[in-house]
Amino acid sequence: MRPLEGLLVVAMEQAVAAPFCSMRLADAGARVIKIERAEGDFARGYDAAAQGLSTYFVWLNRGKESVCLDIKAPADKALLDRLIARADVFIQNLAPGAMARAGFGSAELRAKYPRLITVDISGYGESGDYATMKAYDLLVQAEVGLASITGHPAGPGRVGVSACDITCGMNAQSAVLEALISRSLTGRGSGIAVSLFDAMADWMNVPLLYFEGTGTAPARVGLAHPSICPYGAFATADGALVLISIQNEREFARLCAVFLGDATLPQREGFRSNVERVAHRTMVDARVGEGFAALTRDACAAKLRAADIAFGFVNDMAGLASHPALRRVEVATPGGPVALAAPPAVLSDGVRPLGPVPGLGEHTAAVRAEFTGPA
């Protein structure tokens, strides 16, 4: 038995953040009824790369039921109310205030259904000047300063996945689990509000505190580290990129003696401490780079292992797809099976099967029949 079996989650959701939260709850056994407009969650149209379906939608909506409702229509509005009346958790990420205007504000719902846990996901919170701003992931990456510290020195860069959406969904899921524990003790539900901005601002604490403590923002250094050297990517003789991380002087001494074959290097000016090496990064990286350029990828890996140096290969998507550490799990979709990267938690009771990805409105008729009558 999965831990959340028997729980009902109703999700008025679209895109990434809210679907991520409800997807994790579905993986744990909750019944998730996803409410979509007639045209569907717009993430269904992001691409068609996964058996003709959107990669985002396949990843984020496994194990859910799809119900199409128009809550401006009295019958559908009444059906949504009956669903929420039986629900343990109600999640929504429509524009701030939209659900309240439709008669489904979180505080009012909890007053009506005291055991209900409500989750409001927004871009910048429910109040203030930014509350009405559209808030897609890249926009928030820019607003929160993440783009300013990401990328090459030539200019800001985007984190290549929907980092703000994902961390928002992760925080919402963990808050739901805490609220379920609290309800088991008190008998009452609670309200949860998470914004993309707040979720990523939490991740930004280190550069924020560094800036406020020094007056200087961390520099964009590409595949290097702003305050540690050598810590970066170096090209091998056969064109691979190998990323190394030196964390202390013992490791640097081993890198010099075993990998570079120069045990005296740590005594030379510019190489004697991490502070010196950061100040002379160009010189240090050039010297380390010579060692990599003389060896193939496999030879570099062998010598780095012998020196007990932390390293990794800078893989592309083909490298990830064939990576020996990549675990896969298959989900059914209307277009055929898709092999996803497996959920990160490895459980002692074995791999949990993931439910199928629903077609648009696939469960509307069945849910209408099940949730007939008064709330």
Foldseek 3Di string as FASTA:
>chain_A
DFPLAPAEEEEAEADFQQLQQVQVSLLSHYAYEYEAAPVGRCQQVPDLPFLGTRPRLQVRFWRYHFAYADLVDPVRVQLVLLSQLRHQEYEYEDQQPPCVVSVRDPVVSCVVRFNHEYEYEYAPDNDDPCSRPDHFQQVLCVVLCVQQQEDALVGGDDDPDSVLSNLQNVVRNVVVVVQVVVCVVVVGGYYHYTHSNVSVNVVCVVQVVVCVVPVDGQGHHHQQGSQFPPFGWAAAQVGWIKTFDDDAPLLVQLCCCQQVVHNCVCVDQQNVGRVSVSVVVVVRCVSSNVSRHHHDPVVNVVSCVVSVTDMDTPDDVVCVVPPPPFDWAWAAEPSGIDIDGAPPDADPVGGRHIHHRDDHNNCNVVSCVVSDDGD
